[in-house]
Each structure stands twice: as C-alpha cells, then as structure tokens.
C-alpha cells in the first residue's frame, strides 16, 4: 500500500511538473520575444518538451524511489 501511494504521488507530481514546466518555458519565451508565435518551429517544441520532461522525470524519480534504495544506487 505504501509503495502504491508513493507511486501515485510520484506520477501526479511528475505530470504537474511537466505541465508547469511547459507553461513556464512558453511564458518566458513570450516575455523575452514579445511574440505569441514563439514555438511554431517543431524543433523548439521538441526542446521545450524535452526540458520539461527531464525535469518531471527527475522529480518523479526523486519522490518515487525510497531514500534507502537511493543510497544503495549511489
């Protein structure tokens, strides 16, 4: 039960981080360029998604893996 709860919390935090990361990157790009068509290029969209997905995966794994197992991995 504890593992299931930890997994559910990790997935929710990961998805929230993914969505917030995308919104923050888009807002920063809009603020910097003053254009709403900032991410019309597919390569820039892929980079934006990759950066926010990496942050989401890292945070979800930090929450999802118990600290005793992390110590053994390092």
N, C-alpha and C. Protein backbone atom coordinates (compact mmCIF):
# COMPACT_ATOMS: atom_id res chain seq x y z
N UNK A 1 0.82 -1.19 0.00
CA UNK A 1 0.00 0.00 0.00
C UNK A 1 0.87 1.25 0.00
N UNK A 2 1.96 1.21 0.76
CA UNK A 2 2.83 2.37 0.83
C UNK A 2 3.52 2.62 -0.52
N UNK A 3 3.90 1.55 -1.18
CA UNK A 3 4.53 1.68 -2.49
C UNK A 3 3.55 2.23 -3.52
N UNK A 4 2.32 1.78 -3.45
CA UNK A 4 1.30 2.28 -4.37
C UNK A 4 1.05 3.77 -4.16
N UNK A 5 0.94 4.18 -2.92
CA UNK A 5 0.74 5.60 -2.63
C UNK A 5 1.93 6.44 -3.10
N UNK A 6 3.14 5.94 -2.86
CA UNK A 6 4.35 6.66 -3.31
C UNK A 6 4.36 6.76 -4.83
N UNK A 7 3.95 5.71 -5.52
CA UNK A 7 3.91 5.72 -6.98
C UNK A 7 2.88 6.70 -7.50
N UNK A 8 1.70 6.72 -6.89
CA UNK A 8 0.65 7.64 -7.32
C UNK A 8 1.09 9.09 -7.11
N UNK A 9 1.68 9.37 -5.96
CA UNK A 9 2.15 10.74 -5.70
C UNK A 9 3.25 11.12 -6.68
N UNK A 10 4.15 10.19 -6.99
CA UNK A 10 5.24 10.48 -7.93
C UNK A 10 4.70 10.77 -9.33
N UNK A 11 3.70 10.02 -9.77
CA UNK A 11 3.12 10.25 -11.09
C UNK A 11 2.41 11.60 -11.14
N UNK A 12 1.66 11.92 -10.10
CA UNK A 12 0.96 13.21 -10.07
C UNK A 12 1.95 14.36 -10.06
N UNK A 13 2.99 14.26 -9.25
CA UNK A 13 4.00 15.33 -9.21
C UNK A 13 4.74 15.43 -10.54
N UNK A 14 5.01 14.30 -11.17
CA UNK A 14 5.68 14.32 -12.47
C UNK A 14 4.84 14.98 -13.55
N UNK A 15 3.55 14.65 -13.59
CA UNK A 15 2.68 15.27 -14.59
C UNK A 15 2.50 16.77 -14.34
N UNK A 16 2.35 17.13 -13.07
CA UNK A 16 2.21 18.55 -12.75
C UNK A 16 3.48 19.31 -13.11
N UNK A 17 4.64 18.72 -12.86
CA UNK A 17 5.90 19.38 -13.22
C UNK A 17 6.03 19.52 -14.73
N UNK A 18 5.60 18.51 -15.47
CA UNK A 18 5.65 18.58 -16.92
C UNK A 18 4.80 19.75 -17.44
N UNK A 19 3.58 19.86 -16.94
CA UNK A 19 2.69 20.92 -17.42
C UNK A 19 3.16 22.30 -16.98
N UNK A 20 3.59 22.41 -15.74
CA UNK A 20 4.07 23.71 -15.25
C UNK A 20 5.36 24.10 -15.97
N UNK A 21 6.23 23.13 -16.22
CA UNK A 21 7.47 23.42 -16.94
C UNK A 21 7.21 23.94 -18.34
N UNK A 22 6.26 23.34 -19.02
CA UNK A 22 5.92 23.82 -20.37
C UNK A 22 5.34 25.23 -20.33
N UNK A 23 4.49 25.47 -19.36
CA UNK A 23 3.89 26.81 -19.25
C UNK A 23 4.93 27.86 -18.91
N UNK A 24 5.85 27.53 -18.02
CA UNK A 24 6.90 28.49 -17.64
C UNK A 24 7.81 28.79 -18.82
N UNK A 25 8.19 27.77 -19.57
CA UNK A 25 9.06 27.99 -20.73
C UNK A 25 8.35 28.83 -21.78
N UNK A 26 7.07 28.54 -22.03
CA UNK A 26 6.33 29.33 -23.02
C UNK A 26 6.15 30.77 -22.58
N UNK A 27 5.84 30.98 -21.30
CA UNK A 27 5.68 32.35 -20.82
C UNK A 27 6.99 33.11 -20.84
N UNK A 28 8.09 32.46 -20.49
CA UNK A 28 9.39 33.12 -20.53
C UNK A 28 9.77 33.49 -21.97
N UNK A 29 9.49 32.59 -22.91
CA UNK A 29 9.80 32.87 -24.31
C UNK A 29 8.91 34.00 -24.84
N UNK A 30 7.66 34.02 -24.44
CA UNK A 30 6.76 35.10 -24.86
C UNK A 30 7.22 36.43 -24.28
N UNK A 31 7.64 36.43 -23.01
CA UNK A 31 8.08 37.66 -22.37
C UNK A 31 9.37 38.16 -23.01
N UNK A 32 10.25 37.23 -23.38
CA UNK A 32 11.54 37.59 -23.94
C UNK A 32 11.42 38.11 -25.37
N UNK A 33 10.55 37.48 -26.19
CA UNK A 33 10.45 37.85 -27.60
C UNK A 33 9.25 38.72 -27.92
N UNK A 34 8.29 38.86 -27.00
CA UNK A 34 7.05 39.63 -27.22
C UNK A 34 6.27 39.12 -28.42
N UNK A 35 6.30 37.83 -28.65
CA UNK A 35 5.59 37.24 -29.76
C UNK A 35 4.81 36.02 -29.27
N UNK A 36 3.60 35.86 -29.78
CA UNK A 36 2.82 34.69 -29.39
C UNK A 36 3.14 33.47 -30.25
N UNK A 37 3.87 33.68 -31.34
CA UNK A 37 4.22 32.58 -32.24
C UNK A 37 5.64 32.09 -31.96
N UNK A 38 5.99 31.99 -30.69
CA UNK A 38 7.36 31.64 -30.32
C UNK A 38 7.71 30.21 -30.71
N UNK A 39 6.78 29.29 -30.49
CA UNK A 39 7.10 27.88 -30.70
C UNK A 39 6.39 27.31 -31.92
N UNK A 40 6.46 28.02 -33.03
CA UNK A 40 5.92 27.48 -34.28
C UNK A 40 6.87 26.44 -34.88
N UNK A 41 8.14 26.52 -34.54
CA UNK A 41 9.14 25.59 -35.05
C UNK A 41 9.04 24.26 -34.30
N UNK A 42 8.93 23.14 -35.02
CA UNK A 42 8.83 21.84 -34.34
C UNK A 42 10.06 21.49 -33.50
N UNK A 43 11.23 21.94 -33.91
CA UNK A 43 12.44 21.67 -33.14
C UNK A 43 12.40 22.37 -31.79
N UNK A 44 11.94 23.61 -31.76
CA UNK A 44 11.82 24.32 -30.49
C UNK A 44 10.77 23.69 -29.58
N UNK A 45 9.69 23.19 -30.18
CA UNK A 45 8.68 22.47 -29.39
C UNK A 45 9.26 21.20 -28.79
N UNK A 46 10.08 20.49 -29.55
CA UNK A 46 10.70 19.27 -29.05
C UNK A 46 11.68 19.58 -27.92
N UNK A 47 12.43 20.66 -28.05
CA UNK A 47 13.36 21.06 -27.00
C UNK A 47 12.59 21.45 -25.74
N UNK A 48 11.52 22.21 -25.91
CA UNK A 48 10.69 22.62 -24.76
C UNK A 48 10.14 21.39 -24.05
N UNK A 49 9.63 20.44 -24.82
CA UNK A 49 9.07 19.24 -24.21
C UNK A 49 10.16 18.40 -23.55
N UNK A 50 11.31 18.31 -24.17
CA UNK A 50 12.40 17.52 -23.61
C UNK A 50 12.90 18.08 -22.29
N UNK A 51 13.02 19.39 -22.20
CA UNK A 51 13.49 20.02 -20.96
C UNK A 51 12.48 19.81 -19.85
N UNK A 52 11.22 20.04 -20.13
CA UNK A 52 10.21 19.89 -19.08
C UNK A 52 10.00 18.41 -18.73
N UNK A 53 10.14 17.51 -19.69
CA UNK A 53 10.01 16.08 -19.39
C UNK A 53 11.17 15.58 -18.55
N UNK A 54 12.37 16.10 -18.80
CA UNK A 54 13.52 15.70 -17.98
C UNK A 54 13.36 16.17 -16.54
N UNK A 55 12.87 17.38 -16.38
CA UNK A 55 12.63 17.89 -15.02
C UNK A 55 11.54 17.07 -14.32
N UNK A 56 10.48 16.74 -15.05
CA UNK A 56 9.39 15.97 -14.47
C UNK A 56 9.85 14.56 -14.09
N UNK A 57 10.63 13.93 -14.95
CA UNK A 57 11.12 12.59 -14.65
C UNK A 57 12.05 12.60 -13.45
N UNK A 58 12.94 13.58 -13.39
CA UNK A 58 13.85 13.67 -12.26
C UNK A 58 13.13 13.87 -10.94
N UNK A 59 12.15 14.75 -10.93
CA UNK A 59 11.41 15.00 -9.70
C UNK A 59 10.55 13.79 -9.32
N UNK A 60 9.92 13.16 -10.30
CA UNK A 60 9.10 11.98 -10.01
C UNK A 60 9.95 10.83 -9.47
N UNK A 61 11.14 10.65 -10.01
CA UNK A 61 12.01 9.59 -9.51
C UNK A 61 12.54 9.93 -8.12
N UNK A 62 12.80 11.21 -7.86
CA UNK A 62 13.27 11.61 -6.54
C UNK A 62 12.20 11.35 -5.48
N UNK A 63 10.95 11.51 -5.85
CA UNK A 63 9.86 11.24 -4.91
C UNK A 63 9.54 9.74 -4.87
N UNK A 64 9.59 9.08 -6.02
CA UNK A 64 9.13 7.71 -6.11
C UNK A 64 10.09 6.67 -5.57
N UNK A 65 11.39 6.93 -5.63
CA UNK A 65 12.35 5.94 -5.14
C UNK A 65 12.62 6.21 -3.67
N UNK A 66 12.44 5.25 -2.81
CA UNK A 66 12.70 5.45 -1.38
C UNK A 66 14.16 5.82 -1.13
N UNK A 67 14.39 6.56 -0.06
CA UNK A 67 15.74 7.07 0.20
C UNK A 67 16.73 5.95 0.48
N UNK A 68 16.30 4.84 1.07
CA UNK A 68 17.24 3.74 1.33
C UNK A 68 17.73 3.13 0.02
N UNK A 69 16.89 3.04 -0.96
CA UNK A 69 17.31 2.50 -2.26
C UNK A 69 18.21 3.49 -2.99
N UNK A 70 17.94 4.80 -2.84
CA UNK A 70 18.79 5.79 -3.47
C UNK A 70 20.20 5.73 -2.90
N UNK A 71 20.33 5.49 -1.62
CA UNK A 71 21.66 5.41 -1.02
C UNK A 71 22.43 4.22 -1.59
N UNK A 72 21.74 3.12 -1.86
CA UNK A 72 22.42 1.95 -2.42
C UNK A 72 22.79 2.17 -3.88
N UNK A 73 22.03 3.01 -4.61
CA UNK A 73 22.32 3.27 -6.01
C UNK A 73 23.55 4.15 -6.17
N UNK A 74 23.82 4.98 -5.21
CA UNK A 74 24.93 5.93 -5.32
C UNK A 74 26.21 5.34 -4.90
